[in-house]
Amino acid sequence: MSDKTLVWLHGEVKSPPFSSNARVEAGYLLRLLQQGELLSLPQSRPMSVIGESCHELRIIDENKTWRIIYRIDIDAVIIAEVFKKTTRKTPQKVIEKTRRRLAEYDRS
């Protein structure tokens, strides 16, 4: 079985703004997803509010928390959003933008 492709629709993981440790952790978790592993809490949680097979990676950084919203397709891991989490709840604006990006990707 070959690794799934990473498809970046929006956002990036680089230092800065990610610390070096947070960037390495994000890369490691994304690599596991590419290899077909299904992650669960505390690293990842389902985001059914966005769509089927959608999840968010949770990256704890030095003084902030990052979220990477992704969808697992048969042949790819689709990265739809990367953002700094500032509240307990995912902002509605982020949810709507992410849904739109994934819908546009599916149409193309």
N, C-alpha and C. Protein backbone atom coordinates (compact mmCIF):
# COMPACT_ATOMS: atom_id res chain seq x y z
N MET A 1 0.84 -1.18 0.00
CA MET A 1 0.00 0.00 0.00
C MET A 1 0.89 1.25 0.00
N SER A 2 0.63 2.17 -0.92
CA SER A 2 1.45 3.38 -0.98
C SER A 2 0.85 4.47 -0.09
N ASP A 3 1.70 5.41 0.26
CA ASP A 3 1.26 6.51 1.12
C ASP A 3 0.25 7.39 0.40
N LYS A 4 -0.65 7.97 1.17
CA LYS A 4 -1.61 8.93 0.63
C LYS A 4 -0.89 10.24 0.36
N THR A 5 -1.32 10.93 -0.66
CA THR A 5 -0.79 12.24 -0.99
C THR A 5 -1.34 13.26 0.00
N LEU A 6 -0.52 14.25 0.36
CA LEU A 6 -1.00 15.39 1.14
C LEU A 6 -1.41 16.46 0.15
N VAL A 7 -2.64 16.93 0.24
CA VAL A 7 -3.14 18.00 -0.63
C VAL A 7 -3.42 19.21 0.26
N TRP A 8 -2.71 20.29 0.01
CA TRP A 8 -2.85 21.51 0.82
C TRP A 8 -3.79 22.47 0.11
N LEU A 9 -4.99 22.66 0.67
CA LEU A 9 -5.92 23.63 0.11
C LEU A 9 -5.71 25.01 0.71
N HIS A 10 -5.25 25.04 1.97
CA HIS A 10 -5.06 26.33 2.66
C HIS A 10 -4.16 26.14 3.86
N GLY A 11 -3.37 27.16 4.13
CA GLY A 11 -2.53 27.15 5.32
C GLY A 11 -1.20 26.45 5.08
N GLU A 12 -0.34 26.55 6.09
CA GLU A 12 0.95 25.90 6.03
C GLU A 12 1.45 25.68 7.44
N VAL A 13 2.41 24.80 7.57
CA VAL A 13 3.03 24.51 8.86
C VAL A 13 4.50 24.86 8.71
N LYS A 14 4.90 26.00 9.27
CA LYS A 14 6.30 26.41 9.18
C LYS A 14 6.67 27.18 10.44
N SER A 15 7.96 27.31 10.66
CA SER A 15 8.47 28.06 11.81
C SER A 15 9.12 29.34 11.32
N PRO A 16 8.76 30.51 11.89
CA PRO A 16 7.54 30.76 12.65
C PRO A 16 6.33 30.77 11.74
N PRO A 17 5.15 30.77 12.21
CA PRO A 17 4.72 31.01 13.59
C PRO A 17 4.75 29.76 14.48
N PHE A 18 4.77 28.56 13.90
CA PHE A 18 4.88 27.36 14.72
C PHE A 18 6.28 27.33 15.35
N SER A 19 6.37 26.85 16.57
CA SER A 19 7.70 26.61 17.13
C SER A 19 8.29 25.41 16.38
N SER A 20 9.57 25.23 16.50
CA SER A 20 10.22 24.10 15.84
C SER A 20 9.62 22.77 16.32
N ASN A 21 9.40 22.64 17.62
CA ASN A 21 8.83 21.40 18.16
C ASN A 21 7.42 21.15 17.65
N ALA A 22 6.60 22.20 17.59
CA ALA A 22 5.22 22.05 17.10
C ALA A 22 5.21 21.67 15.62
N ARG A 23 6.13 22.26 14.85
CA ARG A 23 6.22 21.94 13.43
C ARG A 23 6.60 20.48 13.23
N VAL A 24 7.55 20.00 14.01
CA VAL A 24 7.97 18.60 13.92
C VAL A 24 6.82 17.67 14.31
N GLU A 25 6.10 18.01 15.38
CA GLU A 25 4.96 17.19 15.80
C GLU A 25 3.89 17.14 14.71
N ALA A 26 3.57 18.30 14.14
CA ALA A 26 2.57 18.34 13.06
C ALA A 26 3.02 17.47 11.88
N GLY A 27 4.28 17.58 11.51
CA GLY A 27 4.80 16.76 10.41
C GLY A 27 4.72 15.28 10.70
N TYR A 28 5.05 14.91 11.93
CA TYR A 28 4.99 13.50 12.34
C TYR A 28 3.56 12.98 12.25
N LEU A 29 2.60 13.74 12.78
CA LEU A 29 1.20 13.30 12.77
C LEU A 29 0.66 13.23 11.34
N LEU A 30 1.01 14.20 10.51
CA LEU A 30 0.57 14.16 9.11
C LEU A 30 1.17 12.96 8.40
N ARG A 31 2.39 12.61 8.72
CA ARG A 31 3.03 11.44 8.12
C ARG A 31 2.29 10.16 8.50
N LEU A 32 1.89 10.05 9.78
CA LEU A 32 1.11 8.89 10.21
C LEU A 32 -0.20 8.79 9.42
N LEU A 33 -0.85 9.93 9.20
CA LEU A 33 -2.09 9.93 8.42
C LEU A 33 -1.83 9.48 6.99
N GLN A 34 -0.73 9.94 6.40
CA GLN A 34 -0.38 9.52 5.04
C GLN A 34 -0.19 8.01 4.95
N GLN A 35 0.32 7.43 6.03
CA GLN A 35 0.58 5.99 6.05
C GLN A 35 -0.67 5.18 6.39
N GLY A 36 -1.81 5.87 6.56
CA GLY A 36 -3.07 5.17 6.77
C GLY A 36 -3.50 5.01 8.21
N GLU A 37 -2.74 5.56 9.15
CA GLU A 37 -3.14 5.46 10.56
C GLU A 37 -4.31 6.38 10.83
N LEU A 38 -5.22 5.93 11.67
CA LEU A 38 -6.31 6.77 12.13
C LEU A 38 -5.97 7.25 13.52
N LEU A 39 -5.91 8.55 13.69
CA LEU A 39 -5.55 9.14 14.98
C LEU A 39 -6.80 9.45 15.78
N SER A 40 -6.65 9.48 17.09
CA SER A 40 -7.76 9.82 17.97
C SER A 40 -7.27 10.79 19.04
N LEU A 41 -8.15 11.11 19.99
CA LEU A 41 -7.76 12.02 21.06
C LEU A 41 -6.56 11.49 21.81
N PRO A 42 -5.65 12.29 22.23
CA PRO A 42 -5.69 13.75 22.25
C PRO A 42 -5.15 14.41 20.99
N GLN A 43 -4.58 13.65 20.04
CA GLN A 43 -3.99 14.27 18.84
C GLN A 43 -5.03 14.73 17.81
N SER A 44 -6.12 14.02 17.69
CA SER A 44 -7.08 14.31 16.63
C SER A 44 -8.49 14.01 17.12
N ARG A 45 -9.44 14.77 16.57
CA ARG A 45 -10.84 14.49 16.89
C ARG A 45 -11.68 14.69 15.63
N PRO A 46 -12.79 13.96 15.52
CA PRO A 46 -13.67 14.10 14.36
C PRO A 46 -14.30 15.50 14.31
N MET A 47 -14.54 15.99 13.12
CA MET A 47 -15.19 17.27 12.90
C MET A 47 -16.37 17.06 11.94
N SER A 48 -17.34 16.29 12.38
CA SER A 48 -18.49 15.98 11.54
C SER A 48 -19.29 17.23 11.17
N VAL A 49 -19.15 18.30 11.95
CA VAL A 49 -19.83 19.54 11.63
C VAL A 49 -19.33 20.11 10.29
N ILE A 50 -18.13 19.72 9.89
CA ILE A 50 -17.58 20.17 8.61
C ILE A 50 -17.96 19.19 7.50
N GLY A 51 -17.87 17.91 7.79
CA GLY A 51 -18.22 16.92 6.77
C GLY A 51 -17.73 15.53 7.15
N GLU A 52 -18.15 14.58 6.35
CA GLU A 52 -17.77 13.19 6.56
C GLU A 52 -16.25 13.04 6.39
N SER A 53 -15.65 12.25 7.23
CA SER A 53 -14.20 11.97 7.21
C SER A 53 -13.34 13.19 7.52
N CYS A 54 -13.93 14.23 8.12
CA CYS A 54 -13.17 15.43 8.49
C CYS A 54 -12.77 15.34 9.96
N HIS A 55 -11.58 15.84 10.24
CA HIS A 55 -11.01 15.78 11.59
C HIS A 55 -10.18 17.04 11.81
N GLU A 56 -9.75 17.24 13.07
CA GLU A 56 -8.79 18.29 13.34
C GLU A 56 -7.65 17.74 14.16
N LEU A 57 -6.44 18.05 13.71
CA LEU A 57 -5.25 17.75 14.50
C LEU A 57 -5.11 18.83 15.55
N ARG A 58 -4.67 18.44 16.72
CA ARG A 58 -4.49 19.38 17.82
C ARG A 58 -3.01 19.42 18.17
N ILE A 59 -2.40 20.57 17.91
CA ILE A 59 -0.97 20.74 18.14
C ILE A 59 -0.80 21.77 19.26
N ILE A 60 -0.26 21.33 20.38
CA ILE A 60 0.00 22.22 21.51
C ILE A 60 1.38 22.83 21.31
N ASP A 61 1.44 24.15 21.23
CA ASP A 61 2.69 24.86 21.05
C ASP A 61 3.08 25.52 22.37
N GLU A 62 4.17 26.26 22.36
CA GLU A 62 4.69 26.86 23.58
C GLU A 62 3.65 27.67 24.35
N ASN A 63 3.00 28.61 23.68
CA ASN A 63 2.00 29.44 24.36
C ASN A 63 0.73 29.60 23.54
N LYS A 64 0.50 28.65 22.66
CA LYS A 64 -0.72 28.67 21.84
C LYS A 64 -1.06 27.26 21.40
N THR A 65 -2.23 27.11 20.83
CA THR A 65 -2.67 25.82 20.33
C THR A 65 -3.04 25.98 18.86
N TRP A 66 -2.55 25.07 18.04
CA TRP A 66 -2.84 25.09 16.60
C TRP A 66 -3.84 24.00 16.25
N ARG A 67 -4.61 24.24 15.22
CA ARG A 67 -5.53 23.25 14.68
C ARG A 67 -5.26 23.11 13.19
N ILE A 68 -5.27 21.87 12.74
CA ILE A 68 -5.14 21.56 11.31
C ILE A 68 -6.36 20.72 10.95
N ILE A 69 -7.25 21.31 10.17
CA ILE A 69 -8.46 20.59 9.77
C ILE A 69 -8.15 19.83 8.49
N TYR A 70 -8.46 18.54 8.52
CA TYR A 70 -8.13 17.68 7.38
C TYR A 70 -9.27 16.70 7.11
N ARG A 71 -9.25 16.18 5.89
CA ARG A 71 -10.21 15.13 5.51
C ARG A 71 -9.42 13.97 4.94
N ILE A 72 -9.84 12.78 5.30
CA ILE A 72 -9.19 11.58 4.79
C ILE A 72 -10.01 11.04 3.62
N ASP A 73 -9.40 11.07 2.44
CA ASP A 73 -10.00 10.48 1.25
C ASP A 73 -9.31 9.14 0.99
N ILE A 74 -9.79 8.40 0.02
CA ILE A 74 -9.21 7.09 -0.29
C ILE A 74 -7.74 7.21 -0.66
N ASP A 75 -7.41 8.24 -1.45
CA ASP A 75 -6.05 8.37 -1.97
C ASP A 75 -5.27 9.56 -1.44
N ALA A 76 -5.89 10.36 -0.55
CA ALA A 76 -5.21 11.58 -0.11
C ALA A 76 -5.68 12.02 1.27
N VAL A 77 -4.83 12.83 1.90
CA VAL A 77 -5.19 13.54 3.11
C VAL A 77 -5.28 15.01 2.69
N ILE A 78 -6.47 15.58 2.78
CA ILE A 78 -6.71 16.94 2.32
C ILE A 78 -6.60 17.90 3.50
N ILE A 79 -5.65 18.83 3.44
CA ILE A 79 -5.49 19.85 4.48
C ILE A 79 -6.33 21.05 4.05
N ALA A 80 -7.38 21.34 4.83
CA ALA A 80 -8.31 22.39 4.44
C ALA A 80 -8.11 23.69 5.22
N GLU A 81 -7.48 23.64 6.39
CA GLU A 81 -7.31 24.85 7.20
C GLU A 81 -6.25 24.62 8.26
N VAL A 82 -5.49 25.65 8.54
CA VAL A 82 -4.52 25.67 9.63
C VAL A 82 -4.76 26.98 10.36
N PHE A 83 -5.03 26.92 11.66
CA PHE A 83 -5.28 28.16 12.39
C PHE A 83 -4.90 28.03 13.85
N LYS A 84 -4.71 29.19 14.47
CA LYS A 84 -4.40 29.24 15.90
C LYS A 84 -5.72 29.24 16.65
N LYS A 85 -5.86 28.32 17.56
CA LYS A 85 -7.09 28.19 18.34
C LYS A 85 -7.06 29.19 19.48
N THR A 86 -8.08 30.04 19.57
CA THR A 86 -8.12 31.06 20.62
C THR A 86 -9.33 30.91 21.53
N THR A 87 -10.29 30.07 21.13
CA THR A 87 -11.49 29.84 21.95
C THR A 87 -11.73 28.35 22.05
N ARG A 88 -12.61 27.96 22.96
CA ARG A 88 -12.91 26.53 23.11
C ARG A 88 -13.63 25.97 21.88
N LYS A 89 -14.45 26.77 21.26
CA LYS A 89 -15.25 26.32 20.13
C LYS A 89 -14.61 26.78 18.82
N THR A 90 -14.67 25.93 17.80
CA THR A 90 -14.16 26.32 16.49
C THR A 90 -15.06 27.42 15.93
N PRO A 91 -14.47 28.56 15.54
CA PRO A 91 -15.27 29.67 15.02
C PRO A 91 -16.11 29.25 13.81
N GLN A 92 -17.34 29.73 13.76
CA GLN A 92 -18.25 29.41 12.66
C GLN A 92 -17.65 29.83 11.32
N LYS A 93 -16.94 30.94 11.30
CA LYS A 93 -16.31 31.43 10.07
C LYS A 93 -15.31 30.40 9.53
N VAL A 94 -14.55 29.78 10.41
CA VAL A 94 -13.57 28.75 10.01
C VAL A 94 -14.31 27.54 9.45
N ILE A 95 -15.38 27.13 10.11
CA ILE A 95 -16.17 25.98 9.66
C ILE A 95 -16.72 26.24 8.25
N GLU A 96 -17.29 27.42 8.03
CA GLU A 96 -17.88 27.74 6.73
C GLU A 96 -16.82 27.80 5.63
N LYS A 97 -15.68 28.46 5.91
CA LYS A 97 -14.60 28.54 4.91
C LYS A 97 -14.09 27.16 4.56
N THR A 98 -13.95 26.31 5.56
CA THR A 98 -13.43 24.97 5.34
C THR A 98 -14.41 24.15 4.50
N ARG A 99 -15.68 24.23 4.82
CA ARG A 99 -16.70 23.53 4.01
C ARG A 99 -16.63 23.98 2.55
N ARG A 100 -16.52 25.29 2.34
CA ARG A 100 -16.45 25.83 0.97
C ARG A 100 -15.22 25.32 0.23
N ARG A 101 -14.06 25.34 0.90
CA ARG A 101 -12.83 24.86 0.25
C ARG A 101 -12.96 23.40 -0.17
N LEU A 102 -13.51 22.58 0.73
CA LEU A 102 -13.65 21.15 0.41
C LEU A 102 -14.66 20.94 -0.72
N ALA A 103 -15.74 21.71 -0.73
CA ALA A 103 -16.73 21.60 -1.81
C ALA A 103 -16.10 21.99 -3.16
N GLU A 104 -15.29 23.06 -3.17
CA GLU A 104 -14.61 23.48 -4.40
C GLU A 104 -13.63 22.39 -4.86
N TYR A 105 -12.91 21.81 -3.91
CA TYR A 105 -11.97 20.74 -4.25
C TYR A 105 -12.72 19.56 -4.88
N ASP A 106 -13.86 19.20 -4.30
CA ASP A 106 -14.63 18.07 -4.83
C ASP A 106 -15.17 18.34 -6.23
N ARG A 107 -15.46 19.59 -6.54
CA ARG A 107 -15.96 19.94 -7.87
C ARG A 107 -14.87 19.92 -8.93
N SER A 108 -13.62 20.10 -8.52
CA SER A 108 -12.54 20.20 -9.51
C SER A 108 -12.03 18.85 -9.96
